[in-house]
Each structure stands twice: as structure tokens, then as C-alpha cells.
C-alpha atoms as a PDB file:
ATOM      1  CA  MET A   1      51.116 -16.687 -26.544  1.00  0.00           C
ATOM      2  CA  THR A   2      47.185 -14.721 -25.852  1.00  0.00           C
ATOM      3  CA  THR A   3      45.841 -15.209 -28.742  1.00  0.00           C
ATOM      4  CA  TYR A   4      43.651 -11.507 -29.562  1.00  0.00           C
ATOM      5  CA  LYS A   5      40.377 -12.072 -31.742  1.00  0.00           C
ATOM      6  CA  ILE A   6      39.629  -9.671 -34.263  1.00  0.00           C
ATOM      7  CA  ALA A   7      36.801  -9.812 -35.934  1.00  0.00           C
ATOM      8  CA  LEU A   8      37.082  -7.158 -39.235  1.00  0.00           C
ATOM      9  CA  LEU A   9      34.756  -5.879 -41.025  1.00  0.00           C
ATOM     10  CA  PRO A  10      36.215  -4.450 -44.500  1.00  0.00           C
ATOM     11  CA  GLY A  11      32.916  -2.092 -44.989  1.00  0.00           C
ATOM     12  CA  ASP A  12      32.459  -0.114 -49.057  1.00  0.00           C
ATOM     13  CA  GLY A  13      33.984   1.452 -50.975  1.00  0.00           C
ATOM     14  CA  ILE A  14      37.583   2.615 -49.666  1.00  0.00           C
ATOM     15  CA  GLY A  15      37.163   0.507 -46.318  1.00  0.00           C
ATOM     16  CA  PRO A  16      38.407  -2.960 -47.572  1.00  0.00           C
ATOM     17  CA  GLU A  17      41.835  -1.386 -48.577  1.00  0.00           C
ATOM     18  CA  GLN A  18      41.935   1.352 -46.055  1.00  0.00           C
ATOM     19  CA  THR A  19      40.985  -2.032 -42.795  1.00  0.00           C
ATOM     20  CA  GLN A  20      43.407  -4.373 -46.181  1.00  0.00           C
ATOM     21  CA  ALA A  21      46.255  -1.472 -45.237  1.00  0.00           C
ATOM     22  CA  THR A  22      45.995  -1.780 -41.118  1.00  0.00           C
ATOM     23  CA  CYS A  23      46.543  -5.236 -41.161  1.00  0.00           C
ATOM     24  CA  ALA A  24      49.527  -5.306 -43.561  1.00  0.00           C
ATOM     25  CA  VAL A  25      50.347  -2.757 -40.278  1.00  0.00           C
ATOM     26  CA  LEU A  26      49.441  -4.873 -37.568  1.00  0.00           C
ATOM     27  CA  GLU A  27      50.977  -7.898 -38.939  1.00  0.00           C
ATOM     28  CA  ALA A  28      53.978  -5.873 -38.779  1.00  0.00           C
ATOM     29  CA  VAL A  29      53.894  -5.042 -35.022  1.00  0.00           C
ATOM     30  CA  GLU A  30      52.441  -8.670 -34.821  1.00  0.00           C
ATOM     31  CA  LYS A  31      55.881  -9.838 -36.377  1.00  0.00           C
ATOM     32  CA  LYS A  32      57.935  -6.930 -34.023  1.00  0.00           C
ATOM     33  CA  ILE A  33      56.353  -7.415 -30.722  1.00  0.00           C
ATOM     34  CA  GLY A  34      55.898 -10.770 -30.535  1.00  0.00           C
ATOM     35  CA  LEU A  35      51.521 -10.287 -30.780  1.00  0.00           C
ATOM     36  CA  HIS A  36      49.309 -12.979 -31.448  1.00  0.00           C
ATOM     37  CA  LEU A  37      46.869 -11.665 -33.712  1.00  0.00           C
ATOM     38  CA  LYS A  38      43.253 -13.420 -35.619  1.00  0.00           C
ATOM     39  CA  ILE A  39      41.770 -11.756 -37.741  1.00  0.00           C
ATOM     40  CA  THR A  40      38.323 -13.547 -38.921  1.00  0.00           C
ATOM     41  CA  GLU A  41      37.121 -11.374 -41.856  1.00  0.00           C
ATOM     42  CA  LEU A  42      33.629 -11.167 -41.560  1.00  0.00           C
ATOM     43  CA  GLU A  43      30.162  -9.610 -43.625  1.00  0.00           C
ATOM     44  CA  GLY A  44      28.262  -6.413 -43.195  1.00  0.00           C
ATOM     45  CA  GLY A  45      27.726  -3.235 -45.249  1.00  0.00           C
ATOM     46  CA  ASP A  46      26.297  -2.523 -48.818  1.00  0.00           C
ATOM     47  CA  GLY A  47      27.630  -6.295 -50.967  1.00  0.00           C
ATOM     48  CA  CYS A  48      26.075  -8.168 -47.924  1.00  0.00           C
ATOM     49  CA  LEU A  49      23.094  -6.366 -47.630  1.00  0.00           C
ATOM     50  CA  GLU A  50      23.096  -7.140 -51.337  1.00  0.00           C
ATOM     51  CA  LYS A  51      23.843 -10.799 -51.311  1.00  0.00           C
ATOM     52  CA  ASN A  52      21.760 -11.622 -47.632  1.00  0.00           C
ATOM     53  CA  GLY A  53      19.174  -9.043 -47.352  1.00  0.00           C
ATOM     54  CA  VAL A  54      20.158  -8.003 -43.914  1.00  0.00           C
ATOM     55  CA  ALA A  55      23.226  -5.378 -44.044  1.00  0.00           C
ATOM     56  CA  LEU A  56      24.560  -7.256 -40.069  1.00  0.00           C
ATOM     57  CA  PRO A  57      23.418 -10.481 -39.994  1.00  0.00           C
ATOM     58  CA  ASP A  58      23.675 -12.608 -36.424  1.00  0.00           C
ATOM     59  CA  SER A  59      25.517 -14.442 -37.546  1.00  0.00           C
ATOM     60  CA  THR A  60      28.892 -11.312 -38.003  1.00  0.00           C
ATOM     61  CA  ILE A  61      27.034  -9.884 -33.978  1.00  0.00           C
ATOM     62  CA  GLU A  62      27.643 -12.836 -33.439  1.00  0.00           C
ATOM     63  CA  ALA A  63      31.222 -13.215 -33.888  1.00  0.00           C
ATOM     64  CA  ILE A  64      32.052  -9.993 -32.868  1.00  0.00           C
ATOM     65  CA  ARG A  65      30.344 -10.406 -29.988  1.00  0.00           C
ATOM     66  CA  ASN A  66      33.210 -13.942 -28.564  1.00  0.00           C
ATOM     67  CA  SER A  67      36.636 -11.129 -30.482  1.00  0.00           C
ATOM     68  CA  ASP A  68      38.326  -9.412 -28.232  1.00  0.00           C
ATOM     69  CA  VAL A  69      37.556  -6.595 -30.447  1.00  0.00           C
ATOM     70  CA  CYS A  70      35.987  -5.342 -34.330  1.00  0.00           C
ATOM     71  CA  LEU A  71      38.018  -3.026 -36.508  1.00  0.00           C
ATOM     72  CA  LYS A  72      35.975  -2.031 -39.074  1.00  0.00           C
ATOM     73  CA  GLY A  73      36.391   0.255 -41.951  1.00  0.00           C
ATOM     74  CA  PRO A  74      33.415   2.451 -43.247  1.00  0.00           C
ATOM     75  CA  VAL A  75      30.501   0.974 -44.638  1.00  0.00           C
ATOM     76  CA  GLY A  76      27.961   2.719 -47.697  1.00  0.00           C
ATOM     77  CA  GLU A  77      24.217   3.056 -47.739  1.00  0.00           C
ATOM     78  CA  SER A  78      24.376   0.131 -45.065  1.00  0.00           C
ATOM     79  CA  ALA A  79      24.961   2.922 -42.090  1.00  0.00           C
ATOM     80  CA  ALA A  80      22.490   2.931 -40.390  1.00  0.00           C
ATOM     81  CA  GLU A  81      21.953  -1.114 -40.643  1.00  0.00           C
ATOM     82  CA  VAL A  82      25.679  -1.037 -39.327  1.00  0.00           C
ATOM     83  CA  VAL A  83      28.329   1.403 -36.802  1.00  0.00           C
ATOM     84  CA  VAL A  84      24.145   3.011 -36.067  1.00  0.00           C
ATOM     85  CA  ARG A  85      23.525  -0.594 -34.931  1.00  0.00           C
ATOM     86  CA  LEU A  86      26.722  -1.637 -33.264  1.00  0.00           C
ATOM     87  CA  ARG A  87      27.389   1.518 -31.563  1.00  0.00           C
ATOM     88  CA  LEU A  88      24.451   0.925 -29.762  1.00  0.00           C
ATOM     89  CA  MET A  89      24.164  -2.366 -29.514  1.00  0.00           C
ATOM     90  CA  PHE A  90      27.875  -2.604 -28.019  1.00  0.00           C
ATOM     91  CA  ASP A  91      27.563   1.308 -26.186  1.00  0.00           C
ATOM     92  CA  LEU A  92      29.793   2.953 -28.327  1.00  0.00           C
ATOM     93  CA  TYR A  93      28.844   6.115 -27.278  1.00  0.00           C
ATOM     94  CA  VAL A  94      31.976   8.324 -27.108  1.00  0.00           C
ATOM     95  CA  ASN A  95      33.601   9.707 -31.542  1.00  0.00           C
ATOM     96  CA  LEU A  96      37.563  10.886 -30.528  1.00  0.00           C
ATOM     97  CA  ARG A  97      39.131  12.862 -32.451  1.00  0.00           C
ATOM     98  CA  PRO A  98      42.426  13.740 -31.749  1.00  0.00           C
ATOM     99  CA  VAL A  99      43.863  16.895 -33.268  1.00  0.00           C
ATOM    100  CA  LYS A 100      47.773  17.736 -33.366  1.00  0.00           C
ATOM    101  CA  THR A 101      50.113  18.574 -34.465  1.00  0.00           C
ATOM    102  CA  TYR A 102      53.740  17.372 -35.098  1.00  0.00           C
ATOM    103  CA  PRO A 103      57.119  18.666 -35.994  1.00  0.00           C
ATOM    104  CA  ASN A 104      58.806  18.502 -39.185  1.00  0.00           C
ATOM    105  CA  VAL A 105      55.259  17.781 -40.596  1.00  0.00           C
ATOM    106  CA  PRO A 106      53.273  20.948 -42.131  1.00  0.00           C
ATOM    107  CA  SER A 107      50.372  22.746 -39.856  1.00  0.00           C
ATOM    108  CA  ILE A 108      49.215  26.133 -40.625  1.00  0.00           C
ATOM    109  CA  LYS A 109      48.658  26.269 -37.185  1.00  0.00           C
ATOM    110  CA  PRO A 110      52.250  24.724 -34.477  1.00  0.00           C
ATOM    111  CA  ASN A 111      50.796  23.510 -31.095  1.00  0.00           C
ATOM    112  CA  ILE A 112      47.871  21.641 -31.384  1.00  0.00           C
ATOM    113  CA  ASP A 113      47.124  19.525 -29.628  1.00  0.00           C
ATOM    114  CA  PHE A 114      43.157  18.934 -28.309  1.00  0.00           C
ATOM    115  CA  VAL A 115      39.916  16.294 -28.676  1.00  0.00           C
ATOM    116  CA  ILE A 116      37.327  16.446 -30.493  1.00  0.00           C
ATOM    117  CA  VAL A 117      34.166  14.147 -28.236  1.00  0.00           C
ATOM    118  CA  ARG A 118      31.158  13.562 -30.148  1.00  0.00           C
ATOM    119  CA  GLU A 119      28.586  11.601 -28.471  1.00  0.00           C
ATOM    120  CA  ASN A 120      27.248   8.112 -30.515  1.00  0.00           C
ATOM    121  CA  THR A 121      24.652   7.382 -29.983  1.00  0.00           C
ATOM    122  CA  GLU A 122      21.572   9.458 -29.341  1.00  0.00           C
ATOM    123  CA  ASP A 123      20.034  12.561 -30.456  1.00  0.00           C
ATOM    124  CA  LEU A 124      19.945  11.623 -34.654  1.00  0.00           C
ATOM    125  CA  TYR A 125      21.228   8.690 -34.757  1.00  0.00           C
ATOM    126  CA  LYS A 126      18.062   7.280 -32.443  1.00  0.00           C
ATOM    127  CA  GLY A 127      15.842   8.677 -35.538  1.00  0.00           C
ATOM    128  CA  LEU A 128      14.815  11.566 -32.448  1.00  0.00           C
ATOM    129  CA  GLU A 129      14.360  14.558 -34.893  1.00  0.00           C
ATOM    130  CA  PHE A 130      11.574  16.738 -34.732  1.00  0.00           C
ATOM    131  CA  MET A 131      10.293  19.434 -37.100  1.00  0.00           C
ATOM    132  CA  VAL A 132      10.055  22.341 -35.097  1.00  0.00           C
ATOM    133  CA  ASN A 133       8.459  24.948 -37.949  1.00  0.00           C
ATOM    134  CA  PRO A 134       9.784  23.651 -41.763  1.00  0.00           C
ATOM    135  CA  THR A 135      13.544  25.460 -40.957  1.00  0.00           C
ATOM    136  CA  VAL A 136      14.522  23.777 -38.110  1.00  0.00           C
ATOM    137  CA  LEU A 137      15.011  20.610 -36.527  1.00  0.00           C
ATOM    138  CA  LEU A 138      15.945  19.854 -33.134  1.00  0.00           C
ATOM    139  CA  PRO A 139      17.366  15.834 -32.042  1.00  0.00           C
END
């Protein structure tokens, strides 16, 4: 049986709670369909920055590189040092946000099914913004 390696960055704030719930779902899926997952929790984010002086240690990056996938919870104040760095490093240039209504779920608009595609590695993420005048900031 193939083992899939998951690098887990719990994140900050609500992140650990969200990733814990996600891991519970993954464990249920693992049992249901016979997957074998090896989840390794890694350091990263505000707590890591406070503890180690760096928000995303080289050891965490290396563990992510050696994993099949990375599951990351929301990161707090050190987001630029974690999230943006990971996006640039692994060329994670698209943020897909599906929007869909489901039957029997109340909605103000029925039959919605579309995807918002957001570019994740250019413009403000690279710090290339500049001031046109005191009221206009352009990427």
C-alpha cells in the first residue's frame, strides 16, 4: 500500500483547530477507503517566530519538499514570511475559490456554480506596489 506523506503546518489563531478537524476527516477517509497517510506536524508561523526567531525554518521547508502535500492552517502576523514565501517557493500561483449553492441549503440566489481565480505570487505579494499620487497605490 502506498503511503502519502502530509506536511502539516497548524498555523496560528484558529488554524490549529481547523487543521485538527481536517485531520479527523482525513483519518475517517483513510479508514473508509484504505489510504495510508503519514502526517508530520511541522513548525511555522507566529509561535515558531517567537520561539525560534524565524517563522519558516529551513527544516520545515525541507520536510515540505519531501512530502506529497502540505496542509497549512491560517497564519497570523508572520503570514508574509510563511504563506507568501511558500507560494513563491513552490510556484503556487493560483488561489481557487469555488462558489456553489447546494440543494436543500438556504441561499439568497439559487443555482450558483462558479470559481474565482486569484493570482497569488505577483503584484502586492512581491512588494512591487508604488504610489502614483497620495490617493492611488498601484501594483
